[in-house]
Amino acid sequence: MLIQNIYEDKVLGKVSEDVAMKLITKYETEQKDLSLEVTDLEEKFSTIRQDAEDVTLFMERLKKYTDVQELTREMCLELIEYIALDAYVEGQPRNIYIYYKLLDEPLKDKRSLF
């Protein structure tokens, strides 16, 4: 409707052609920017929704193991994505890093962590 009004004003001589073209160009640029922003927000929303679903699923899995006395293979396979250790240095303790399924990023290259 806005572009139609600009064209009508241009034809009637109320607005010069240069001004009309600048307004149309500005409007089209704004529409493209808004479209990109909407796409970006939709992607962010999708990521947030997926994260919420992943946390819910992880919590459901975790509830099965609220009263266990020892860690089993089944528990590890269901809950843990992978485990990483610091490099071995004689006489120093090593840090252990546990990455959980659905909560942490999956390992891209399973042969090398770093």
PDB file of N, CA and C in Angstrom:
ATOM      1  N   MET A   1       0.831  -1.184   0.000  1.00  0.00           N
ATOM      2  CA  MET A   1       0.000   0.000   0.000  1.00  0.00           C
ATOM      3  C   MET A   1       0.875   1.247   0.000  1.00  0.00           C
ATOM      4  N   LEU A   2       1.963   1.197   0.780  1.00  0.00           N
ATOM      5  CA  LEU A   2       2.864   2.338   0.862  1.00  0.00           C
ATOM      6  C   LEU A   2       3.503   2.629  -0.490  1.00  0.00           C
ATOM      7  N   ILE A   3       3.966   1.602  -1.154  1.00  0.00           N
ATOM      8  CA  ILE A   3       4.597   1.788  -2.470  1.00  0.00           C
ATOM      9  C   ILE A   3       3.576   2.301  -3.475  1.00  0.00           C
ATOM     10  N   GLN A   4       2.376   1.793  -3.431  1.00  0.00           N
ATOM     11  CA  GLN A   4       1.317   2.260  -4.333  1.00  0.00           C
ATOM     12  C   GLN A   4       1.063   3.749  -4.125  1.00  0.00           C
ATOM     13  N   ASN A   5       1.016   4.193  -2.880  1.00  0.00           N
ATOM     14  CA  ASN A   5       0.810   5.617  -2.594  1.00  0.00           C
ATOM     15  C   ASN A   5       1.963   6.468  -3.106  1.00  0.00           C
ATOM     16  N   ILE A   6       3.178   5.969  -2.977  1.00  0.00           N
ATOM     17  CA  ILE A   6       4.341   6.718  -3.485  1.00  0.00           C
ATOM     18  C   ILE A   6       4.245   6.855  -5.002  1.00  0.00           C
ATOM     19  N   TYR A   7       3.893   5.759  -5.694  1.00  0.00           N
ATOM     20  CA  TYR A   7       3.750   5.825  -7.151  1.00  0.00           C
ATOM     21  C   TYR A   7       2.642   6.812  -7.551  1.00  0.00           C
ATOM     22  N   GLU A   8       1.534   6.762  -6.837  1.00  0.00           N
ATOM     23  CA  GLU A   8       0.434   7.685  -7.149  1.00  0.00           C
ATOM     24  C   GLU A   8       0.860   9.128  -6.937  1.00  0.00           C
ATOM     25  N   ASP A   9       1.571   9.394  -5.844  1.00  0.00           N
ATOM     26  CA  ASP A   9       2.060  10.754  -5.588  1.00  0.00           C
ATOM     27  C   ASP A   9       3.066  11.183  -6.649  1.00  0.00           C
ATOM     28  N   LYS A  10       3.874  10.234  -7.127  1.00  0.00           N
ATOM     29  CA  LYS A  10       4.843  10.543  -8.191  1.00  0.00           C
ATOM     30  C   LYS A  10       4.105  10.885  -9.483  1.00  0.00           C
ATOM     31  N   VAL A  11       3.104  10.098  -9.842  1.00  0.00           N
ATOM     32  CA  VAL A  11       2.331  10.335 -11.071  1.00  0.00           C
ATOM     33  C   VAL A  11       1.583  11.663 -10.995  1.00  0.00           C
ATOM     34  N   LEU A  12       1.068  11.983  -9.820  1.00  0.00           N
ATOM     35  CA  LEU A  12       0.329  13.235  -9.650  1.00  0.00           C
ATOM     36  C   LEU A  12       1.245  14.445  -9.520  1.00  0.00           C
ATOM     37  N   GLY A  13       2.540  14.193  -9.410  1.00  0.00           N
ATOM     38  CA  GLY A  13       3.493  15.292  -9.335  1.00  0.00           C
ATOM     39  C   GLY A  13       3.714  15.805  -7.924  1.00  0.00           C
ATOM     40  N   LYS A  14       3.187  15.129  -6.930  1.00  0.00           N
ATOM     41  CA  LYS A  14       3.365  15.566  -5.547  1.00  0.00           C
ATOM     42  C   LYS A  14       4.760  15.239  -5.023  1.00  0.00           C
ATOM     43  N   VAL A  15       5.377  14.209  -5.614  1.00  0.00           N
ATOM     44  CA  VAL A  15       6.705  13.771  -5.192  1.00  0.00           C
ATOM     45  C   VAL A  15       7.549  13.581  -6.451  1.00  0.00           C
ATOM     46  N   SER A  16       8.808  14.057  -6.385  1.00  0.00           N
ATOM     47  CA  SER A  16       9.693  13.892  -7.547  1.00  0.00           C
ATOM     48  C   SER A  16      10.082  12.427  -7.697  1.00  0.00           C
ATOM     49  N   GLU A  17      10.557  12.088  -8.905  1.00  0.00           N
ATOM     50  CA  GLU A  17      10.940  10.704  -9.177  1.00  0.00           C
ATOM     51  C   GLU A  17      12.094  10.269  -8.285  1.00  0.00           C
ATOM     52  N   ASP A  18      13.075  11.175  -8.073  1.00  0.00           N
ATOM     53  CA  ASP A  18      14.223  10.836  -7.219  1.00  0.00           C
ATOM     54  C   ASP A  18      13.779  10.515  -5.789  1.00  0.00           C
ATOM     55  N   VAL A  19      12.900  11.332  -5.258  1.00  0.00           N
ATOM     56  CA  VAL A  19      12.414  11.110  -3.897  1.00  0.00           C
ATOM     57  C   VAL A  19      11.622   9.804  -3.830  1.00  0.00           C
ATOM     58  N   ALA A  20      10.777   9.569  -4.818  1.00  0.00           N
ATOM     59  CA  ALA A  20       9.983   8.347  -4.848  1.00  0.00           C
ATOM     60  C   ALA A  20      10.887   7.115  -4.891  1.00  0.00           C
ATOM     61  N   MET A  21      11.899   7.137  -5.733  1.00  0.00           N
ATOM     62  CA  MET A  21      12.816   6.002  -5.843  1.00  0.00           C
ATOM     63  C   MET A  21      13.597   5.787  -4.546  1.00  0.00           C
ATOM     64  N   LYS A  22      14.012   6.889  -3.892  1.00  0.00           N
ATOM     65  CA  LYS A  22      14.726   6.768  -2.619  1.00  0.00           C
ATOM     66  C   LYS A  22      13.824   6.141  -1.557  1.00  0.00           C
ATOM     67  N   LEU A  23      12.563   6.580  -1.519  1.00  0.00           N
ATOM     68  CA  LEU A  23      11.620   6.032  -0.545  1.00  0.00           C
ATOM     69  C   LEU A  23      11.361   4.540  -0.798  1.00  0.00           C
ATOM     70  N   ILE A  24      11.201   4.196  -2.078  1.00  0.00           N
ATOM     71  CA  ILE A  24      10.957   2.790  -2.426  1.00  0.00           C
ATOM     72  C   ILE A  24      12.172   1.937  -2.083  1.00  0.00           C
ATOM     73  N   THR A  25      13.353   2.433  -2.417  1.00  0.00           N
ATOM     74  CA  THR A  25      14.589   1.707  -2.106  1.00  0.00           C
ATOM     75  C   THR A  25      14.747   1.535  -0.597  1.00  0.00           C
ATOM     76  N   LYS A  26      14.482   2.602   0.154  1.00  0.00           N
ATOM     77  CA  LYS A  26      14.581   2.545   1.607  1.00  0.00           C
ATOM     78  C   LYS A  26      13.581   1.520   2.165  1.00  0.00           C
ATOM     79  N   TYR A  27      12.359   1.536   1.640  1.00  0.00           N
ATOM     80  CA  TYR A  27      11.331   0.602   2.091  1.00  0.00           C
ATOM     81  C   TYR A  27      11.740  -0.848   1.799  1.00  0.00           C
ATOM     82  N   GLU A  28      12.245  -1.108   0.591  1.00  0.00           N
ATOM     83  CA  GLU A  28      12.655  -2.464   0.220  1.00  0.00           C
ATOM     84  C   GLU A  28      13.827  -2.945   1.075  1.00  0.00           C
ATOM     85  N   THR A  29      14.772  -2.054   1.350  1.00  0.00           N
ATOM     86  CA  THR A  29      15.910  -2.399   2.202  1.00  0.00           C
ATOM     87  C   THR A  29      15.437  -2.738   3.610  1.00  0.00           C
ATOM     88  N   GLU A  30      14.514  -1.928   4.111  1.00  0.00           N
ATOM     89  CA  GLU A  30      13.970  -2.181   5.442  1.00  0.00           C
ATOM     90  C   GLU A  30      13.240  -3.525   5.489  1.00  0.00           C
ATOM     91  N   GLN A  31      12.493  -3.838   4.442  1.00  0.00           N
ATOM     92  CA  GLN A  31      11.786  -5.118   4.378  1.00  0.00           C
ATOM     93  C   GLN A  31      12.763  -6.291   4.378  1.00  0.00           C
ATOM     94  N   LYS A  32      13.854  -6.181   3.624  1.00  0.00           N
ATOM     95  CA  LYS A  32      14.864  -7.241   3.583  1.00  0.00           C
ATOM     96  C   LYS A  32      15.516  -7.413   4.952  1.00  0.00           C
ATOM     97  N   ASP A  33      15.855  -6.278   5.596  1.00  0.00           N
ATOM     98  CA  ASP A  33      16.481  -6.344   6.921  1.00  0.00           C
ATOM     99  C   ASP A  33      15.546  -7.002   7.931  1.00  0.00           C
ATOM    100  N   LEU A  34      14.272  -6.619   7.881  1.00  0.00           N
ATOM    101  CA  LEU A  34      13.301  -7.203   8.803  1.00  0.00           C
ATOM    102  C   LEU A  34      13.110  -8.696   8.537  1.00  0.00           C
ATOM    103  N   SER A  35      13.129  -9.070   7.278  1.00  0.00           N
ATOM    104  CA  SER A  35      12.986 -10.475   6.923  1.00  0.00           C
ATOM    105  C   SER A  35      14.167 -11.285   7.465  1.00  0.00           C
ATOM    106  N   LEU A  36      15.380 -10.748   7.339  1.00  0.00           N
ATOM    107  CA  LEU A  36      16.562 -11.418   7.878  1.00  0.00           C
ATOM    108  C   LEU A  36      16.489 -11.512   9.398  1.00  0.00           C
ATOM    109  N   GLU A  37      16.009 -10.459  10.041  1.00  0.00           N
ATOM    110  CA  GLU A  37      15.879 -10.462  11.496  1.00  0.00           C
ATOM    111  C   GLU A  37      14.856 -11.512  11.950  1.00  0.00           C
ATOM    112  N   VAL A  38      13.746 -11.615  11.222  1.00  0.00           N
ATOM    113  CA  VAL A  38      12.735 -12.621  11.556  1.00  0.00           C
ATOM    114  C   VAL A  38      13.327 -14.024  11.424  1.00  0.00           C
ATOM    115  N   THR A  39      14.058 -14.265  10.345  1.00  0.00           N
ATOM    116  CA  THR A  39      14.697 -15.569  10.140  1.00  0.00           C
ATOM    117  C   THR A  39      15.670 -15.878  11.272  1.00  0.00           C
ATOM    118  N   ASP A  40      16.477 -14.891  11.660  1.00  0.00           N
ATOM    119  CA  ASP A  40      17.433 -15.066  12.746  1.00  0.00           C
ATOM    120  C   ASP A  40      16.715 -15.380  14.065  1.00  0.00           C
ATOM    121  N   LEU A  41      15.652 -14.652  14.357  1.00  0.00           N
ATOM    122  CA  LEU A  41      14.894 -14.888  15.590  1.00  0.00           C
ATOM    123  C   LEU A  41      14.217 -16.253  15.583  1.00  0.00           C
ATOM    124  N   GLU A  42      13.724 -16.681  14.422  1.00  0.00           N
ATOM    125  CA  GLU A  42      13.108 -18.013  14.325  1.00  0.00           C
ATOM    126  C   GLU A  42      14.138 -19.107  14.594  1.00  0.00           C
ATOM    127  N   GLU A  43      15.374 -18.930  14.074  1.00  0.00           N
ATOM    128  CA  GLU A  43      16.434 -19.907  14.323  1.00  0.00           C
ATOM    129  C   GLU A  43      16.791 -19.955  15.803  1.00  0.00           C
ATOM    130  N   LYS A  44      16.891 -18.779  16.434  1.00  0.00           N
ATOM    131  CA  LYS A  44      17.205 -18.725  17.862  1.00  0.00           C
ATOM    132  C   LYS A  44      16.099 -19.388  18.670  1.00  0.00           C
ATOM    133  N   PHE A  45      14.855 -19.120  18.315  1.00  0.00           N
ATOM    134  CA  PHE A  45      13.730 -19.719  19.017  1.00  0.00           C
ATOM    135  C   PHE A  45      13.750 -21.235  18.865  1.00  0.00           C
ATOM    136  N   SER A  46      14.062 -21.706  17.674  1.00  0.00           N
ATOM    137  CA  SER A  46      14.137 -23.142  17.431  1.00  0.00           C
ATOM    138  C   SER A  46      15.233 -23.772  18.287  1.00  0.00           C
ATOM    139  N   THR A  47      16.363 -23.112  18.388  1.00  0.00           N
ATOM    140  CA  THR A  47      17.464 -23.609  19.214  1.00  0.00           C
ATOM    141  C   THR A  47      17.061 -23.648  20.683  1.00  0.00           C
ATOM    142  N   ILE A  48      16.399 -22.598  21.150  1.00  0.00           N
ATOM    143  CA  ILE A  48      15.954 -22.547  22.542  1.00  0.00           C
ATOM    144  C   ILE A  48      14.941 -23.650  22.821  1.00  0.00           C
ATOM    145  N   ARG A  49      14.016 -23.841  21.892  1.00  0.00           N
ATOM    146  CA  ARG A  49      13.011 -24.891  22.063  1.00  0.00           C
ATOM    147  C   ARG A  49      13.673 -26.270  22.102  1.00  0.00           C
ATOM    148  N   GLN A  50      14.647 -26.506  21.215  1.00  0.00           N
ATOM    149  CA  GLN A  50      15.349 -27.792  21.195  1.00  0.00           C
ATOM    150  C   GLN A  50      16.129 -27.998  22.483  1.00  0.00           C
ATOM    151  N   ASP A  51      16.776 -26.950  22.984  1.00  0.00           N
ATOM    152  CA  ASP A  51      17.510 -27.051  24.240  1.00  0.00           C
ATOM    153  C   ASP A  51      16.565 -27.427  25.383  1.00  0.00           C
ATOM    154  N   ALA A  52      15.400 -26.804  25.424  1.00  0.00           N
ATOM    155  CA  ALA A  52      14.424 -27.110  26.476  1.00  0.00           C
ATOM    156  C   ALA A  52      13.959 -28.561  26.381  1.00  0.00           C
ATOM    157  N   GLU A  53      13.726 -29.032  25.166  1.00  0.00           N
ATOM    158  CA  GLU A  53      13.317 -30.427  24.979  1.00  0.00           C
ATOM    159  C   GLU A  53      14.430 -31.385  25.405  1.00  0.00           C
ATOM    160  N   ASP A  54      15.677 -31.038  25.086  1.00  0.00           N
ATOM    161  CA  ASP A  54      16.809 -31.874  25.469  1.00  0.00           C
ATOM    162  C   ASP A  54      16.957 -31.958  26.991  1.00  0.00           C
ATOM    163  N   VAL A  55      16.805 -30.825  27.660  1.00  0.00           N
ATOM    164  CA  VAL A  55      16.911 -30.821  29.121  1.00  0.00           C
ATOM    165  C   VAL A  55      15.793 -31.664  29.726  1.00  0.00           C
ATOM    166  N   THR A  56      14.584 -31.521  29.192  1.00  0.00           N
ATOM    167  CA  THR A  56      13.459 -32.313  29.691  1.00  0.00           C
ATOM    168  C   THR A  56      13.723 -33.806  29.512  1.00  0.00           C
ATOM    169  N   LEU A  57      14.207 -34.199  28.349  1.00  0.00           N
ATOM    170  CA  LEU A  57      14.509 -35.609  28.091  1.00  0.00           C
ATOM    171  C   LEU A  57      15.617 -36.105  29.011  1.00  0.00           C
ATOM    172  N   PHE A  58      16.655 -35.284  29.210  1.00  0.00           N
ATOM    173  CA  PHE A  58      17.747 -35.674  30.097  1.00  0.00           C
ATOM    174  C   PHE A  58      17.238 -35.855  31.520  1.00  0.00           C
ATOM    175  N   MET A  59      16.379 -34.964  31.974  1.00  0.00           N
ATOM    176  CA  MET A  59      15.820 -35.065  33.328  1.00  0.00           C
ATOM    177  C   MET A  59      14.986 -36.343  33.474  1.00  0.00           C
ATOM    178  N   GLU A  60      14.225 -36.680  32.441  1.00  0.00           N
ATOM    179  CA  GLU A  60      13.445 -37.921  32.476  1.00  0.00           C
ATOM    180  C   GLU A  60      14.369 -39.132  32.604  1.00  0.00           C
ATOM    181  N   ARG A  61      15.465 -39.116  31.862  1.00  0.00           N
ATOM    182  CA  ARG A  61      16.428 -40.221  31.951  1.00  0.00           C
ATOM    183  C   ARG A  61      17.058 -40.264  33.334  1.00  0.00           C
ATOM    184  N   LEU A  62      17.406 -39.098  33.846  1.00  0.00           N
ATOM    185  CA  LEU A  62      18.088 -39.012  35.124  1.00  0.00           C
ATOM    186  C   LEU A  62      17.198 -39.465  36.283  1.00  0.00           C
ATOM    187  N   LYS A  63      15.906 -39.228  36.197  1.00  0.00           N
ATOM    188  CA  LYS A  63      14.976 -39.619  37.261  1.00  0.00           C
ATOM    189  C   LYS A  63      14.975 -41.127  37.499  1.00  0.00           C
ATOM    190  N   LYS A  64      15.305 -41.890  36.477  1.00  0.00           N
ATOM    191  CA  LYS A  64      15.358 -43.346  36.639  1.00  0.00           C
ATOM    192  C   LYS A  64      16.461 -43.768  37.606  1.00  0.00           C
ATOM    193  N   TYR A  65      17.442 -42.895  37.798  1.00  0.00           N
ATOM    194  CA  TYR A  65      18.626 -43.259  38.564  1.00  0.00           C
ATOM    195  C   TYR A  65      18.775 -42.422  39.840  1.00  0.00           C
ATOM    196  N   THR A  66      17.688 -41.997  40.431  1.00  0.00           N
ATOM    197  CA  THR A  66      17.786 -41.141  41.613  1.00  0.00           C
ATOM    198  C   THR A  66      18.246 -41.874  42.866  1.00  0.00           C
ATOM    199  N   ASP A  67      18.051 -43.162  42.941  1.00  0.00           N
ATOM    200  CA  ASP A  67      18.382 -43.885  44.162  1.00  0.00           C
ATOM    201  C   ASP A  67      19.321 -45.062  43.890  1.00  0.00           C
ATOM    202  N   VAL A  68      20.294 -44.875  43.037  1.00  0.00           N
ATOM    203  CA  VAL A  68      21.226 -45.963  42.716  1.00  0.00           C
ATOM    204  C   VAL A  68      22.444 -45.885  43.637  1.00  0.00           C
ATOM    205  N   GLN A  69      23.050 -47.021  43.852  1.00  0.00           N
ATOM    206  CA  GLN A  69      24.203 -47.097  44.739  1.00  0.00           C
ATOM    207  C   GLN A  69      25.527 -47.179  43.977  1.00  0.00           C
ATOM    208  N   GLU A  70      25.470 -47.606  42.709  1.00  0.00           N
ATOM    209  CA  GLU A  70      26.706 -47.677  41.931  1.00  0.00           C
ATOM    210  C   GLU A  70      26.429 -47.364  40.470  1.00  0.00           C
ATOM    211  N   LEU A  71      27.455 -46.860  39.817  1.00  0.00           N
ATOM    212  CA  LEU A  71      27.373 -46.491  38.406  1.00  0.00           C
ATOM    213  C   LEU A  71      27.438 -47.750  37.545  1.00  0.00           C
ATOM    214  N   THR A  72      26.481 -47.906  36.637  1.00  0.00           N
ATOM    215  CA  THR A  72      26.461 -49.086  35.769  1.00  0.00           C
ATOM    216  C   THR A  72      26.761 -48.682  34.330  1.00  0.00           C
ATOM    217  N   ARG A  73      27.072 -49.672  33.525  1.00  0.00           N
ATOM    218  CA  ARG A  73      27.332 -49.444  32.102  1.00  0.00           C
ATOM    219  C   ARG A  73      26.098 -48.836  31.438  1.00  0.00           C
ATOM    220  N   GLU A  74      24.928 -49.362  31.772  1.00  0.00           N
ATOM    221  CA  GLU A  74      23.679 -48.869  31.185  1.00  0.00           C
ATOM    222  C   GLU A  74      23.477 -47.378  31.478  1.00  0.00           C
ATOM    223  N   MET A  75      23.767 -46.977  32.705  1.00  0.00           N
ATOM    224  CA  MET A  75      23.629 -45.571  33.080  1.00  0.00           C
ATOM    225  C   MET A  75      24.567 -44.698  32.255  1.00  0.00           C
ATOM    226  N   CYS A  76      25.793 -45.158  32.125  1.00  0.00           N
ATOM    227  CA  CYS A  76      26.791 -44.396  31.351  1.00  0.00           C
ATOM    228  C   CYS A  76      26.361 -44.250  29.898  1.00  0.00           C
ATOM    229  N   LEU A  77      25.911 -45.332  29.297  1.00  0.00           N
ATOM    230  CA  LEU A  77      25.503 -45.286  27.893  1.00  0.00           C
ATOM    231  C   LEU A  77      24.305 -44.376  27.679  1.00  0.00           C
ATOM    232  N   GLU A  78      23.425 -44.295  28.652  1.00  0.00           N
ATOM    233  CA  GLU A  78      22.220 -43.488  28.501  1.00  0.00           C
ATOM    234  C   GLU A  78      22.458 -42.013  28.811  1.00  0.00           C
ATOM    235  N   LEU A  79      23.398 -41.712  29.698  1.00  0.00           N
ATOM    236  CA  LEU A  79      23.548 -40.341  30.167  1.00  0.00           C
ATOM    237  C   LEU A  79      24.797 -39.606  29.672  1.00  0.00           C
ATOM    238  N   ILE A  80      25.872 -40.352  29.401  1.00  0.00           N
ATOM    239  CA  ILE A  80      27.154 -39.709  29.108  1.00  0.00           C
ATOM    240  C   ILE A  80      27.469 -39.770  27.619  1.00  0.00           C
ATOM    241  N   GLU A  81      27.817 -38.606  27.073  1.00  0.00           N
ATOM    242  CA  GLU A  81      28.221 -38.509  25.667  1.00  0.00           C
ATOM    243  C   GLU A  81      29.664 -38.999  25.522  1.00  0.00           C
ATOM    244  N   TYR A  82      30.586 -38.418  26.320  1.00  0.00           N
ATOM    245  CA  TYR A  82      31.978 -38.870  26.333  1.00  0.00           C
ATOM    246  C   TYR A  82      32.681 -38.297  27.552  1.00  0.00           C
ATOM    247  N   ILE A  83      33.856 -38.849  27.849  1.00  0.00           N
ATOM    248  CA  ILE A  83      34.667 -38.429  28.990  1.00  0.00           C
ATOM    249  C   ILE A  83      36.055 -38.092  28.463  1.00  0.00           C
ATOM    250  N   ALA A  84      36.615 -36.992  28.943  1.00  0.00           N
ATOM    251  CA  ALA A  84      37.955 -36.581  28.528  1.00  0.00           C
ATOM    252  C   ALA A  84      38.826 -36.396  29.765  1.00  0.00           C
ATOM    253  N   LEU A  85      40.107 -36.676  29.620  1.00  0.00           N
ATOM    254  CA  LEU A  85      41.076 -36.518  30.706  1.00  0.00           C
ATOM    255  C   LEU A  85      42.167 -35.547  30.278  1.00  0.00           C
ATOM    256  N   ASP A  86      42.727 -34.818  31.267  1.00  0.00           N
ATOM    257  CA  ASP A  86      43.901 -33.997  30.986  1.00  0.00           C
ATOM    258  C   ASP A  86      45.071 -34.894  30.628  1.00  0.00           C
ATOM    259  N   ALA A  87      46.066 -34.319  30.001  1.00  0.00           N
ATOM    260  CA  ALA A  87      47.270 -35.079  29.657  1.00  0.00           C
ATOM    261  C   ALA A  87      47.964 -35.564  30.932  1.00  0.00           C
ATOM    262  N   TYR A  88      48.601 -36.704  30.815  1.00  0.00           N
ATOM    263  CA  TYR A  88      49.295 -37.286  31.966  1.00  0.00           C
ATOM    264  C   TYR A  88      50.593 -36.538  32.213  1.00  0.00           C
ATOM    265  N   VAL A  89      50.734 -36.072  33.465  1.00  0.00           N
ATOM    266  CA  VAL A  89      51.994 -35.489  33.921  1.00  0.00           C
ATOM    267  C   VAL A  89      52.338 -36.202  35.217  1.00  0.00           C
ATOM    268  N   GLU A  90      53.512 -36.816  35.240  1.00  0.00           N
ATOM    269  CA  GLU A  90      53.890 -37.646  36.392  1.00  0.00           C
ATOM    270  C   GLU A  90      53.831 -36.835  37.684  1.00  0.00           C
ATOM    271  N   GLY A  91      53.178 -37.415  38.672  1.00  0.00           N
ATOM    272  CA  GLY A  91      53.109 -36.795  39.991  1.00  0.00           C
ATOM    273  C   GLY A  91      52.006 -35.752  40.143  1.00  0.00           C
ATOM    274  N   GLN A  92      51.261 -35.480  39.086  1.00  0.00           N
ATOM    275  CA  GLN A  92      50.188 -34.486  39.182  1.00  0.00           C
ATOM    276  C   GLN A  92      48.843 -35.154  38.925  1.00  0.00           C
ATOM    277  N   PRO A  93      47.821 -34.684  39.625  1.00  0.00           N
ATOM    278  CA  PRO A  93      46.479 -35.253  39.381  1.00  0.00           C
ATOM    279  C   PRO A  93      45.956 -34.827  38.012  1.00  0.00           C
ATOM    280  N   ARG A  94      45.084 -35.659  37.462  1.00  0.00           N
ATOM    281  CA  ARG A  94      44.488 -35.361  36.153  1.00  0.00           C
ATOM    282  C   ARG A  94      43.031 -34.948  36.349  1.00  0.00           C
ATOM    283  N   ASN A  95      42.611 -33.944  35.628  1.00  0.00           N
ATOM    284  CA  ASN A  95      41.202 -33.541  35.658  1.00  0.00           C
ATOM    285  C   ASN A  95      40.400 -34.448  34.748  1.00  0.00           C
ATOM    286  N   ILE A  96      39.202 -34.758  35.177  1.00  0.00           N
ATOM    287  CA  ILE A  96      38.281 -35.578  34.399  1.00  0.00           C
ATOM    288  C   ILE A  96      37.115 -34.694  33.980  1.00  0.00           C
ATOM    289  N   TYR A  97      36.787 -34.688  32.700  1.00  0.00           N
ATOM    290  CA  TYR A  97      35.687 -33.890  32.166  1.00  0.00           C
ATOM    291  C   TYR A  97      34.610 -34.843  31.632  1.00  0.00           C
ATOM    292  N   ILE A  98      33.409 -34.689  32.152  1.00  0.00           N
ATOM    293  CA  ILE A  98      32.302 -35.542  31.730  1.00  0.00           C
ATOM    294  C   ILE A  98      31.330 -34.690  30.916  1.00  0.00           C
ATOM    295  N   TYR A  99      31.041 -35.138  29.698  1.00  0.00           N
ATOM    296  CA  TYR A  99      30.119 -34.434  28.803  1.00  0.00           C
ATOM    297  C   TYR A  99      28.852 -35.280  28.675  1.00  0.00           C
ATOM    298  N   TYR A 100      27.744 -34.696  29.058  1.00  0.00           N
ATOM    299  CA  TYR A 100      26.488 -35.433  29.120  1.00  0.00           C
ATOM    300  C   TYR A 100      25.703 -35.351  27.822  1.00  0.00           C
ATOM    301  N   LYS A 101      25.011 -36.422  27.490  1.00  0.00           N
ATOM    302  CA  LYS A 101      24.131 -36.437  26.320  1.00  0.00           C
ATOM    303  C   LYS A 101      23.026 -35.412  26.535  1.00  0.00           C
ATOM    304  N   LEU A 102      22.647 -34.763  25.463  1.00  0.00           N
ATOM    305  CA  LEU A 102      21.551 -33.801  25.422  1.00  0.00           C
ATOM    306  C   LEU A 102      21.875 -32.477  26.112  1.00  0.00           C
ATOM    307  N   LEU A 103      22.925 -32.422  26.918  1.00  0.00           N
ATOM    308  CA  LEU A 103      23.268 -31.178  27.593  1.00  0.00           C
ATOM    309  C   LEU A 103      24.511 -30.523  27.005  1.00  0.00           C
ATOM    310  N   ASP A 104      25.474 -31.335  26.583  1.00  0.00           N
ATOM    311  CA  ASP A 104      26.714 -30.827  26.022  1.00  0.00           C
ATOM    312  C   ASP A 104      26.750 -31.099  24.530  1.00  0.00           C
ATOM    313  N   GLU A 105      27.637 -30.385  23.846  1.00  0.00           N
ATOM    314  CA  GLU A 105      27.796 -30.585  22.411  1.00  0.00           C
ATOM    315  C   GLU A 105      28.369 -31.971  22.146  1.00  0.00           C
ATOM    316  N   PRO A 106      27.830 -32.688  21.150  1.00  0.00           N
ATOM    317  CA  PRO A 106      28.397 -34.001  20.816  1.00  0.00           C
ATOM    318  C   PRO A 106      29.812 -33.848  20.259  1.00  0.00           C
ATOM    319  N   LEU A 107      30.576 -34.875  20.430  1.00  0.00           N
ATOM    320  CA  LEU A 107      31.947 -34.894  19.934  1.00  0.00           C
ATOM    321  C   LEU A 107      31.926 -35.058  18.424  1.00  0.00           C
ATOM    322  N   LYS A 108      32.569 -34.117  17.705  1.00  0.00           N
ATOM    323  CA  LYS A 108      32.545 -34.152  16.239  1.00  0.00           C
ATOM    324  C   LYS A 108      33.494 -35.225  15.688  1.00  0.00           C
ATOM    325  N   ASP A 109      34.722 -35.250  16.206  1.00  0.00           N
ATOM    326  CA  ASP A 109      35.705 -36.231  15.766  1.00  0.00           C
ATOM    327  C   ASP A 109      36.031 -37.134  16.947  1.00  0.00           C
ATOM    328  N   LYS A 110      35.503 -38.324  16.944  1.00  0.00           N
ATOM    329  CA  LYS A 110      35.629 -39.217  18.098  1.00  0.00           C
ATOM    330  C   LYS A 110      37.044 -39.754  18.280  1.00  0.00           C
ATOM    331  N   ARG A 111      37.924 -39.533  17.316  1.00  0.00           N
ATOM    332  CA  ARG A 111      39.306 -40.008  17.443  1.00  0.00           C
ATOM    333  C   ARG A 111      40.202 -39.009  18.150  1.00  0.00           C
ATOM    334  N   SER A 112      39.803 -37.737  18.174  1.00  0.00           N
ATOM    335  CA  SER A 112      40.664 -36.719  18.771  1.00  0.00           C
ATOM    336  C   SER A 112      39.805 -35.655  19.464  1.00  0.00           C
ATOM    337  N   LEU A 113      40.130 -35.382  20.695  1.00  0.00           N
ATOM    338  CA  LEU A 113      39.384 -34.376  21.442  1.00  0.00           C
ATOM    339  C   LEU A 113      39.942 -32.974  21.246  1.00  0.00           C
ATOM    340  N   PHE A 114      41.252 -32.843  21.138  1.00  0.00           N
ATOM    341  CA  PHE A 114      41.855 -31.498  21.102  1.00  0.00           C
ATOM    342  C   PHE A 114      42.728 -31.328  19.889  1.00  0.00           C
TER     343      PHE A 114
END
